[in-house]
Amino acid sequence: MIGVIGVILSLILLIILVFKRWGNIPAAIVAALLAIVTNYGLTADVFRIFRYTFLGTPSTDNGITGLLGFISSYFFLLVFGALFGHVLDQTGAAKSIAKFIAEKVGSANAILVTMLLTSILCYAGVAAFVAMFAVYPIAIHLIKDAKLPRKYLCGAYYAGLTAINTLPGSSHLYNTIPTDFLGTNIFSAPLLGIYSFIGKFLLAYLYLTWSSRRAMSKGEVFQINEAVDGPQLKKGLENSEKECNVGLAVISPILTVGLSLIFTKTIVAAKVISANDSVGLALLISSLYALIVFRQNVDTDPIKIITQGIQKGFGPLFLTGAVVGYGSVIAATPAYNSFLNFATSLDLNPYFSAIIAVNVICGITGSGSGGLRIFMQTAAERFVATGVNPAAFHRICAMAAGGLDSLPHNGTIITTQEVMGSNYKESYWTLFVVSVIIPLIVVCVGAVIAMILY
């Protein structure tokens, strides 16, 4: 029992510390040590357990768990993603694309455009981390020009991401994991999937629009973040310096998406390179394209720009990796099995039981895809045996995975704020509404619809 309490207290402590601006790395370390001590006792093994779970060691499948596993898997993706955003800023390519969009649809529609850009990219198969780097350098100009507080950039990006992940045909892990266990496909229960997208997108847009107007009426405005904002953003859309041909500029993000899809079907399928590394390669090529084509817009040595861009990737890499390490500690504790047993033994309607179970597991692990896979591995067969419709169950579980996974220790939440120059105090409530509250409302209504239609 003390172990269960310890896990809960460690999660609460992690959340409190990050809101107290401790920083993700020290907060994750302290919270992880609390979970270890309450589960294993205060012995000489504490630091050995910490090293093997938090930092990570080679696993039986030749992978690496914990912080080192995350860094190993996402190193090139995040480092070259940061380079991509830096190059688009330094060359003026991002500003030119943003100005073109603003002239066509107006900066007043910055939230809607950001949501749509994110949803389109993610539905096309672009990973969340990649879409983040593709959308940010463009959308930040639109948000600034609309004079919106920065938190609405984070909220709009995450709203677009959250809405699209369960749309029929989406290649997002939430939509593909259930197919491995239920015999379904990514187009299963299409009406539920379409309802999920419309419901989450519409509610998020209405909330962000209402909230932004309310915030601006109170005097909240966009503020420059000296640590992450480049010179082009500081000059604004109205400044004509370093403008690029928008047709050539837009090729850069398109090239990233196109190469990612091509690599997925070729070198990734042939197991020459991992999926994450292939996306990193696409981002590197797109960065070099923009740097070469718009060389005349660069005042400094291109090598310096490349160095600065790559260095910007190390912050998100280690900050997110630390919290992934915390999740590895929790998953390795004896108490974790107690949460699994509770989550999969609830005696309710199968759809609502699944919603609660998936959210408990995703909330503890801080991972929607990780929690959903654990649930499917441990409980899918038992639920199907009750006679539940597999297609509807697929869709409800996929929708449920996008709820409590977005607590403060979620990796994408952390990276979104870090890349976009925000913090928990400024942005997390906005992110919480669009990634937790709204998805939970939508999936509960979806369960009722599933009970009626299926």
Protein backbone atom coordinates (compact mmCIF):
# COMPACT_ATOMS: atom_id res chain seq x y z
CA MET A 1 0.00 0.00 0.00
CA ILE A 2 2.85 2.39 0.82
CA GLY A 3 4.19 1.87 -2.70
CA VAL A 4 0.89 2.90 -4.29
CA ILE A 5 0.71 5.99 -2.08
CA GLY A 6 4.33 6.73 -2.95
CA VAL A 7 3.64 6.64 -6.69
CA ILE A 8 0.66 8.97 -6.30
CA LEU A 9 2.67 11.35 -4.09
CA SER A 10 5.59 11.31 -6.53
CA LEU A 11 3.29 12.31 -9.38
CA ILE A 12 1.77 15.10 -7.29
CA LEU A 13 5.27 16.22 -6.29
CA LEU A 14 6.42 16.26 -9.93
CA ILE A 15 3.48 18.45 -10.92
CA ILE A 16 4.01 20.85 -8.01
CA LEU A 17 7.73 21.17 -8.66
CA VAL A 18 7.37 21.94 -12.37
CA PHE A 19 4.77 24.58 -11.56
CA LYS A 20 7.17 26.00 -8.97
CA ARG A 21 9.69 26.41 -11.82
CA TRP A 22 12.13 23.83 -10.55
CA GLY A 23 12.82 22.73 -14.07
CA ASN A 24 11.82 19.36 -15.51
CA ILE A 25 15.13 17.58 -14.91
CA PRO A 26 15.54 18.20 -11.13
CA ALA A 27 11.78 17.78 -10.61
CA ALA A 28 11.77 14.42 -12.39
CA ILE A 29 14.82 13.22 -10.43
CA VAL A 30 13.33 14.12 -7.03
CA ALA A 31 9.92 12.64 -7.88
CA ALA A 32 11.52 9.45 -9.22
CA LEU A 33 13.61 9.03 -6.05
CA LEU A 34 10.47 9.40 -3.93
CA ALA A 35 8.73 6.65 -5.93
CA ILE A 36 11.77 4.38 -5.63
CA VAL A 37 12.20 4.88 -1.86
CA THR A 38 8.50 4.27 -1.11
CA ASN A 39 8.45 1.12 -3.23
CA TYR A 40 11.83 -0.41 -2.41
CA GLY A 41 12.79 1.19 0.90
CA LEU A 42 15.72 3.40 1.83
CA THR A 43 18.53 0.97 1.04
CA ALA A 44 21.84 0.96 -0.75
CA ASP A 45 19.98 -0.21 -3.86
CA VAL A 46 18.16 3.09 -4.32
CA PHE A 47 20.73 4.65 -6.63
CA ARG A 48 21.29 1.38 -8.49
CA ILE A 49 17.56 1.16 -9.19
CA PHE A 50 17.53 4.84 -10.17
CA ARG A 51 20.39 4.29 -12.60
CA TYR A 52 18.80 1.27 -14.24
CA THR A 53 15.28 2.68 -14.51
CA PHE A 54 15.56 6.49 -14.73
CA LEU A 55 18.77 6.75 -16.73
CA GLY A 56 18.13 3.51 -18.55
CA THR A 57 20.06 0.43 -19.57
CA PRO A 58 20.07 -1.85 -22.63
CA SER A 59 16.95 -4.03 -22.65
CA THR A 60 16.37 -7.56 -23.93
CA ASP A 61 15.20 -6.32 -27.34
CA ASN A 62 18.43 -4.35 -27.85
CA GLY A 63 16.67 -1.12 -27.02
CA ILE A 64 17.43 1.31 -24.20
CA THR A 65 14.92 2.35 -21.59
CA GLY A 66 14.55 5.55 -19.57
CA LEU A 67 16.18 8.88 -20.33
CA LEU A 68 18.93 7.35 -22.46
CA GLY A 69 16.35 5.42 -24.46
CA PHE A 70 14.48 8.62 -25.30
CA ILE A 71 17.66 10.45 -26.25
CA SER A 72 18.78 7.52 -28.39
CA SER A 73 15.43 7.33 -30.19
CA TYR A 74 14.75 11.06 -30.66
CA PHE A 75 18.23 12.61 -30.86
CA PHE A 76 18.34 13.35 -34.59
CA LEU A 77 14.64 14.18 -34.79
CA LEU A 78 14.72 16.88 -32.10
CA VAL A 79 18.18 18.23 -32.89
CA PHE A 80 17.52 18.59 -36.62
CA GLY A 81 13.98 19.76 -35.88
CA ALA A 82 15.44 22.65 -33.91
CA LEU A 83 17.85 23.33 -36.78
CA PHE A 84 14.93 23.40 -39.22
CA GLY A 85 13.04 26.05 -37.23
CA HIS A 86 16.19 28.13 -36.73
CA VAL A 87 17.09 28.12 -40.43
CA LEU A 88 13.54 29.10 -41.46
CA ASP A 89 13.75 32.04 -39.09
CA GLN A 90 17.27 33.18 -39.98
CA THR A 91 16.62 33.08 -43.73
CA GLY A 92 13.23 34.79 -43.48
CA ALA A 93 11.44 31.82 -45.08
CA ALA A 94 9.07 31.33 -42.14
CA LYS A 95 8.17 35.03 -42.10
CA SER A 96 7.43 35.01 -45.83
CA ILE A 97 5.11 32.01 -45.53
CA ALA A 98 3.37 33.55 -42.51
CA LYS A 99 2.95 36.89 -44.28
CA PHE A 100 1.42 35.17 -47.31
CA ILE A 101 -1.06 33.31 -45.11
CA ALA A 102 -1.90 36.47 -43.16
CA GLU A 103 -2.59 38.37 -46.39
CA LYS A 104 -4.90 35.61 -47.65
CA VAL A 105 -6.86 34.72 -44.51
CA GLY A 106 -5.97 37.51 -42.07
CA SER A 107 -4.00 37.33 -38.85
CA ALA A 108 -7.31 37.35 -36.95
CA ASN A 109 -7.63 33.69 -37.97
CA ALA A 110 -4.22 32.76 -36.49
CA ILE A 111 -5.69 30.15 -34.12
CA LEU A 112 -7.76 28.45 -36.82
CA VAL A 113 -4.87 28.42 -39.31
CA THR A 114 -2.51 26.93 -36.72
CA MET A 115 -5.03 24.21 -35.84
CA LEU A 116 -5.63 23.37 -39.49
CA LEU A 117 -1.92 23.31 -40.38
CA THR A 118 -1.24 20.92 -37.50
CA SER A 119 -4.18 18.64 -38.30
CA ILE A 120 -3.32 18.43 -41.99
CA LEU A 121 0.33 17.62 -41.36
CA CYS A 122 -0.45 14.99 -38.71
CA TYR A 123 -3.16 13.34 -40.80
CA ALA A 124 -0.65 13.13 -43.65
CA GLY A 125 1.49 10.97 -41.38
CA VAL A 126 3.83 13.56 -39.89
CA ALA A 127 4.77 12.77 -36.28
CA ALA A 128 3.77 15.21 -33.54
CA PHE A 129 7.36 16.26 -32.86
CA VAL A 130 7.92 16.96 -36.58
CA ALA A 131 4.67 18.87 -37.06
CA MET A 132 5.68 20.99 -34.09
CA PHE A 133 8.86 22.16 -35.80
CA ALA A 134 7.09 22.66 -39.14
CA VAL A 135 4.16 24.64 -37.71
CA TYR A 136 5.95 26.73 -35.06
CA PRO A 137 8.15 29.02 -37.18
CA ILE A 138 5.16 29.93 -39.37
CA ALA A 139 2.41 30.13 -36.75
CA ILE A 140 4.45 32.17 -34.27
CA HIS A 141 4.48 35.07 -36.75
CA LEU A 142 0.70 34.85 -37.16
CA ILE A 143 0.12 34.71 -33.40
CA LYS A 144 2.44 37.68 -32.84
CA ASP A 145 0.84 39.72 -35.61
CA ALA A 146 -2.59 39.01 -34.10
CA LYS A 147 -1.15 40.21 -30.75
CA LEU A 148 -2.28 36.99 -29.06
CA PRO A 149 -0.51 35.76 -25.90
CA ARG A 150 1.99 33.00 -26.69
CA LYS A 151 -0.02 30.37 -24.82
CA TYR A 152 -2.53 30.33 -27.67
CA LEU A 153 0.17 29.15 -30.06
CA CYS A 154 0.76 26.14 -27.78
CA GLY A 155 -2.98 25.62 -27.36
CA ALA A 156 -3.80 25.87 -31.07
CA TYR A 157 -1.01 23.46 -32.02
CA TYR A 158 -2.05 20.92 -29.41
CA ALA A 159 -5.74 21.29 -30.27
CA GLY A 160 -5.03 20.43 -33.91
CA LEU A 161 -2.91 17.48 -32.85
CA THR A 162 -5.48 16.15 -30.37
CA ALA A 163 -8.37 16.45 -32.81
CA ILE A 164 -6.77 14.54 -35.66
CA ASN A 165 -5.33 11.51 -33.86
CA THR A 166 -8.50 9.41 -33.97
CA LEU A 167 -9.89 10.46 -37.36
CA PRO A 168 -10.50 7.35 -39.55
CA GLY A 169 -7.45 6.65 -41.69
CA SER A 170 -5.06 8.49 -39.37
CA SER A 171 -1.68 6.80 -38.99
CA HIS A 172 -1.33 8.10 -35.43
CA LEU A 173 -0.40 5.42 -32.88
CA TYR A 174 -3.70 5.93 -31.05
CA ASN A 175 -5.45 4.71 -34.19
CA THR A 176 -3.04 1.93 -35.15
CA ILE A 177 -2.28 0.21 -31.82
CA PRO A 178 -5.80 -1.28 -31.39
CA THR A 179 -5.56 -2.97 -34.79
CA ASP A 180 -2.85 -5.27 -33.43
CA PHE A 181 -5.17 -6.65 -30.75
CA LEU A 182 -8.75 -6.34 -32.05
CA GLY A 183 -8.50 -7.43 -35.67
CA THR A 184 -9.78 -4.01 -36.76
CA ASN A 185 -8.32 -1.45 -39.16
CA ILE A 186 -7.60 2.27 -39.06
CA PHE A 187 -10.98 3.05 -40.69
CA SER A 188 -13.04 1.11 -38.11
CA ALA A 189 -16.21 2.79 -36.76
CA PRO A 190 -15.78 5.79 -39.08
CA LEU A 191 -18.82 7.71 -37.76
CA LEU A 192 -17.38 7.68 -34.24
CA GLY A 193 -14.02 8.82 -35.58
CA ILE A 194 -15.51 11.68 -37.58
CA TYR A 195 -17.62 12.72 -34.58
CA SER A 196 -14.47 12.69 -32.42
CA PHE A 197 -12.59 14.97 -34.82
CA ILE A 198 -15.43 17.46 -35.26
CA GLY A 199 -16.25 17.51 -31.55
CA LYS A 200 -12.68 18.08 -30.35
CA PHE A 201 -11.77 20.53 -33.13
CA LEU A 202 -14.92 22.64 -32.75
CA LEU A 203 -14.91 22.76 -28.95
CA ALA A 204 -11.19 23.57 -28.84
CA TYR A 205 -11.56 26.34 -31.43
CA LEU A 206 -14.50 27.88 -29.59
CA TYR A 207 -12.66 27.72 -26.26
CA LEU A 208 -9.40 29.16 -27.62
CA THR A 209 -11.25 31.98 -29.41
CA TRP A 210 -13.29 32.86 -26.32
CA SER A 211 -10.34 32.55 -23.98
CA SER A 212 -8.02 34.65 -26.17
CA ARG A 213 -10.54 37.49 -26.40
CA ARG A 214 -11.00 37.38 -22.64
CA ALA A 215 -7.24 37.39 -22.07
CA MET A 216 -6.68 40.33 -24.41
CA SER A 217 -9.48 42.31 -22.76
CA LYS A 218 -7.51 41.93 -19.52
CA GLY A 219 -4.42 43.38 -21.15
CA GLU A 220 -2.55 40.16 -21.97
CA VAL A 221 -0.42 40.52 -25.10
CA PHE A 222 2.26 38.68 -27.02
CA GLN A 223 5.68 38.99 -25.40
CA ILE A 224 9.04 38.35 -27.01
CA ASN A 225 11.04 35.49 -25.48
CA GLU A 226 14.68 36.43 -25.97
CA ALA A 227 15.84 32.84 -25.42
CA VAL A 228 14.00 31.31 -28.38
CA ASP A 229 12.72 34.05 -30.69
CA GLY A 230 14.86 34.83 -33.70
CA PRO A 231 15.49 38.23 -35.29
CA GLN A 232 12.85 37.77 -37.98
CA LEU A 233 10.12 37.33 -35.39
CA LYS A 234 11.27 40.40 -33.49
CA LYS A 235 11.07 42.50 -36.66
CA GLY A 236 7.51 41.35 -37.41
CA LEU A 237 5.59 40.69 -40.61
CA GLU A 238 5.46 44.36 -41.56
CA ASN A 239 9.23 44.50 -42.02
CA SER A 240 10.14 43.64 -45.64
CA GLU A 241 13.77 42.82 -44.93
CA LYS A 242 14.83 39.25 -45.79
CA GLU A 243 11.58 38.35 -47.52
CA CYS A 244 11.75 35.23 -49.67
CA ASN A 245 9.87 33.98 -52.68
CA VAL A 246 6.96 32.29 -50.93
CA GLY A 247 6.82 29.52 -53.54
CA LEU A 248 10.43 28.56 -52.82
CA ALA A 249 9.95 29.05 -49.08
CA VAL A 250 6.97 26.72 -48.78
CA ILE A 251 8.96 23.95 -50.47
CA SER A 252 10.95 23.52 -47.25
CA PRO A 253 8.11 22.22 -45.01
CA ILE A 254 6.61 20.35 -47.97
CA LEU A 255 9.98 18.74 -48.56
CA THR A 256 10.10 17.64 -44.93
CA VAL A 257 6.68 15.96 -45.17
CA GLY A 258 7.35 14.43 -48.59
CA LEU A 259 10.76 13.03 -47.71
CA SER A 260 9.42 11.64 -44.43
CA LEU A 261 6.72 9.72 -46.27
CA ILE A 262 9.14 8.51 -48.96
CA PHE A 263 11.69 7.38 -46.37
CA THR A 264 8.94 5.53 -44.47
CA LYS A 265 8.11 3.47 -47.55
CA THR A 266 11.74 2.86 -48.52
CA ILE A 267 14.69 2.96 -46.14
CA VAL A 268 12.56 2.56 -43.00
CA ALA A 269 10.66 -0.39 -44.50
CA ALA A 270 14.00 -1.92 -45.48
CA LYS A 271 15.18 -1.44 -41.86
CA VAL A 272 18.14 0.64 -42.99
CA ILE A 273 17.21 3.44 -40.59
CA SER A 274 14.69 3.94 -37.80
CA ALA A 275 11.47 5.90 -38.36
CA ASN A 276 12.56 8.71 -36.03
CA ASP A 277 16.01 8.99 -37.60
CA SER A 278 14.48 9.07 -41.08
CA VAL A 279 12.40 12.10 -40.10
CA GLY A 280 15.51 13.72 -38.65
CA LEU A 281 17.23 13.15 -42.00
CA ALA A 282 14.29 14.77 -43.81
CA LEU A 283 14.49 17.79 -41.50
CA LEU A 284 18.25 18.10 -42.09
CA ILE A 285 17.82 18.01 -45.89
CA SER A 286 15.01 20.59 -45.73
CA SER A 287 17.16 22.83 -43.53
CA LEU A 288 20.08 22.66 -45.95
CA TYR A 289 17.71 23.38 -48.86
CA ALA A 290 16.47 26.59 -47.20
CA LEU A 291 19.98 27.63 -46.21
CA ILE A 292 21.30 27.17 -49.76
CA VAL A 293 18.35 28.69 -51.64
CA PHE A 294 18.14 31.74 -49.37
CA ARG A 295 21.86 32.14 -48.75
CA GLN A 296 21.69 35.78 -49.78
CA ASN A 297 19.43 36.51 -46.79
CA VAL A 298 21.94 35.21 -44.26
CA ASP A 299 24.28 37.80 -42.76
CA THR A 300 26.36 35.40 -40.68
CA ASP A 301 28.44 32.32 -41.43
CA PRO A 302 26.09 29.42 -42.39
CA ILE A 303 28.14 27.11 -40.16
CA LYS A 304 27.32 29.36 -37.21
CA ILE A 305 23.62 29.16 -38.04
CA ILE A 306 23.80 25.37 -38.25
CA THR A 307 25.65 25.20 -34.93
CA GLN A 308 23.17 27.50 -33.18
CA GLY A 309 20.19 25.58 -34.58
CA ILE A 310 21.52 22.20 -33.48
CA GLN A 311 22.33 23.48 -30.00
CA LYS A 312 18.72 24.63 -29.59
CA GLY A 313 17.62 21.00 -29.84
CA PHE A 314 19.48 19.82 -26.75
CA GLY A 315 17.15 21.58 -24.29
CA PRO A 316 13.93 19.84 -25.40
CA LEU A 317 15.83 16.56 -25.82
CA PHE A 318 17.05 16.35 -22.22
CA LEU A 319 14.05 18.03 -20.59
CA THR A 320 11.63 15.58 -22.19
CA GLY A 321 13.98 12.63 -21.68
CA ALA A 322 14.10 13.31 -17.94
CA VAL A 323 10.34 12.98 -17.59
CA VAL A 324 10.35 9.86 -19.79
CA GLY A 325 12.89 8.52 -17.30
CA TYR A 326 10.43 9.26 -14.50
CA GLY A 327 7.77 7.28 -16.36
CA SER A 328 10.19 4.35 -16.66
CA VAL A 329 10.71 4.41 -12.89
CA ILE A 330 6.95 4.31 -12.25
CA ALA A 331 6.41 1.47 -14.74
CA ALA A 332 9.11 -0.59 -12.98
CA THR A 333 7.65 -0.28 -9.46
CA PRO A 334 5.63 -3.09 -7.82
CA ALA A 335 2.85 -0.55 -7.21
CA TYR A 336 2.36 -0.15 -10.94
CA ASN A 337 0.72 -3.58 -11.15
CA SER A 338 -1.83 -2.44 -8.58
CA PHE A 339 -2.86 0.42 -10.85
CA LEU A 340 -3.13 -1.97 -13.80
CA ASN A 341 -5.28 -4.41 -11.85
CA PHE A 342 -7.58 -1.63 -10.66
CA ALA A 343 -7.90 -0.08 -14.09
CA THR A 344 -8.79 -3.34 -15.84
CA SER A 345 -11.20 -4.76 -13.24
CA LEU A 346 -13.89 -2.05 -13.12
CA ASP A 347 -17.45 -3.42 -13.31
CA LEU A 348 -19.13 -0.86 -15.59
CA ASN A 349 -20.41 -0.71 -19.14
CA PRO A 350 -17.44 -1.95 -21.25
CA TYR A 351 -17.03 1.39 -23.04
CA PHE A 352 -16.94 3.42 -19.82
CA SER A 353 -14.75 0.83 -18.09
CA ALA A 354 -12.30 1.16 -20.97
CA ILE A 355 -12.35 4.97 -20.79
CA ILE A 356 -11.46 4.91 -17.09
CA ALA A 357 -8.90 2.12 -17.42
CA VAL A 358 -7.08 3.65 -20.38
CA ASN A 359 -6.95 7.06 -18.71
CA VAL A 360 -5.62 5.69 -15.42
CA ILE A 361 -2.80 3.85 -17.20
CA CYS A 362 -2.03 6.75 -19.57
CA GLY A 363 -2.09 9.22 -16.67
CA ILE A 364 0.41 7.20 -14.63
CA THR A 365 2.78 6.63 -17.54
CA GLY A 366 2.37 10.10 -19.05
CA SER A 367 2.01 8.46 -22.46
CA GLY A 368 -1.14 7.97 -24.50
CA SER A 369 0.37 5.44 -26.89
CA GLY A 370 2.27 3.62 -24.12
CA GLY A 371 -0.77 3.44 -21.87
CA LEU A 372 -3.04 2.32 -24.71
CA ARG A 373 -0.66 -0.50 -25.67
CA ILE A 374 -0.43 -1.70 -22.06
CA PHE A 375 -4.23 -1.70 -21.81
CA MET A 376 -4.62 -3.61 -25.06
CA GLN A 377 -2.02 -6.16 -24.03
CA THR A 378 -3.60 -6.79 -20.65
CA ALA A 379 -7.34 -6.34 -21.18
CA ALA A 380 -8.43 -6.27 -24.85
CA GLU A 381 -9.17 -10.00 -25.03
CA ARG A 382 -11.30 -9.91 -21.90
CA PHE A 383 -13.37 -6.95 -23.15
CA VAL A 384 -13.95 -8.53 -26.56
CA ALA A 385 -15.14 -11.69 -24.79
CA THR A 386 -18.01 -9.68 -23.25
CA GLY A 387 -19.47 -9.22 -26.74
CA VAL A 388 -18.48 -5.58 -27.20
CA ASN A 389 -18.29 -4.42 -30.82
CA PRO A 390 -14.57 -4.52 -31.74
CA ALA A 391 -14.77 -1.60 -34.17
CA ALA A 392 -16.52 0.70 -31.71
CA PHE A 393 -14.25 -0.51 -28.90
CA HIS A 394 -11.24 0.33 -31.09
CA ARG A 395 -12.47 3.86 -31.61
CA ILE A 396 -13.47 4.50 -27.99
CA CYS A 397 -10.11 3.26 -26.67
CA ALA A 398 -8.24 5.38 -29.20
CA MET A 399 -10.26 8.43 -28.15
CA ALA A 400 -9.72 7.65 -24.45
CA ALA A 401 -5.93 7.54 -24.87
CA GLY A 402 -5.95 11.28 -25.52
CA GLY A 403 -7.03 12.41 -22.05
CA LEU A 404 -5.09 12.09 -18.82
CA ASP A 405 -1.98 11.26 -20.84
CA SER A 406 -1.55 15.04 -21.14
CA LEU A 407 -0.77 15.67 -17.49
CA PRO A 408 2.34 17.82 -16.90
CA HIS A 409 4.75 14.88 -17.22
CA ASN A 410 3.71 14.10 -20.80
CA GLY A 411 6.68 14.37 -23.16
CA THR A 412 4.86 16.19 -25.96
CA ILE A 413 3.42 18.72 -23.50
CA ILE A 414 6.92 19.46 -22.21
CA THR A 415 8.50 19.72 -25.65
CA THR A 416 5.68 21.88 -27.04
CA GLN A 417 6.21 24.49 -24.34
CA GLU A 418 9.99 24.34 -24.59
CA VAL A 419 10.12 24.66 -28.39
CA MET A 420 7.49 27.40 -28.48
CA GLY A 421 9.12 29.46 -25.75
CA SER A 422 6.44 29.10 -23.11
CA ASN A 423 6.17 27.53 -19.65
CA TYR A 424 3.73 25.73 -17.37
CA LYS A 425 2.57 28.84 -15.55
CA GLU A 426 1.70 30.59 -18.80
CA SER A 427 0.37 27.79 -20.99
CA TYR A 428 -0.53 24.63 -19.10
CA TRP A 429 -4.13 25.53 -18.22
CA THR A 430 -4.83 26.26 -21.90
CA LEU A 431 -3.16 22.97 -22.87
CA PHE A 432 -5.08 21.13 -20.12
CA VAL A 433 -8.43 22.30 -21.46
CA VAL A 434 -7.77 21.35 -25.10
CA SER A 435 -5.90 18.10 -24.38
CA VAL A 436 -7.63 16.73 -21.27
CA ILE A 437 -11.01 18.31 -20.48
CA ILE A 438 -12.39 18.54 -24.03
CA PRO A 439 -11.20 15.05 -25.11
CA LEU A 440 -12.73 13.50 -21.95
CA ILE A 441 -16.07 15.20 -22.65
CA VAL A 442 -15.99 14.05 -26.28
CA VAL A 443 -15.10 10.42 -25.48
CA CYS A 444 -17.82 10.13 -22.81
CA VAL A 445 -20.45 11.32 -25.27
CA GLY A 446 -18.85 8.99 -27.82
CA ALA A 447 -19.37 6.04 -25.48
CA VAL A 448 -23.08 6.84 -25.28
CA ILE A 449 -23.24 7.04 -29.10
CA ALA A 450 -21.43 3.69 -29.33
CA MET A 451 -23.93 2.10 -26.96
CA ILE A 452 -26.78 3.28 -29.19
CA LEU A 453 -25.31 2.58 -32.63
CA TYR A 454 -23.26 -0.53 -31.95
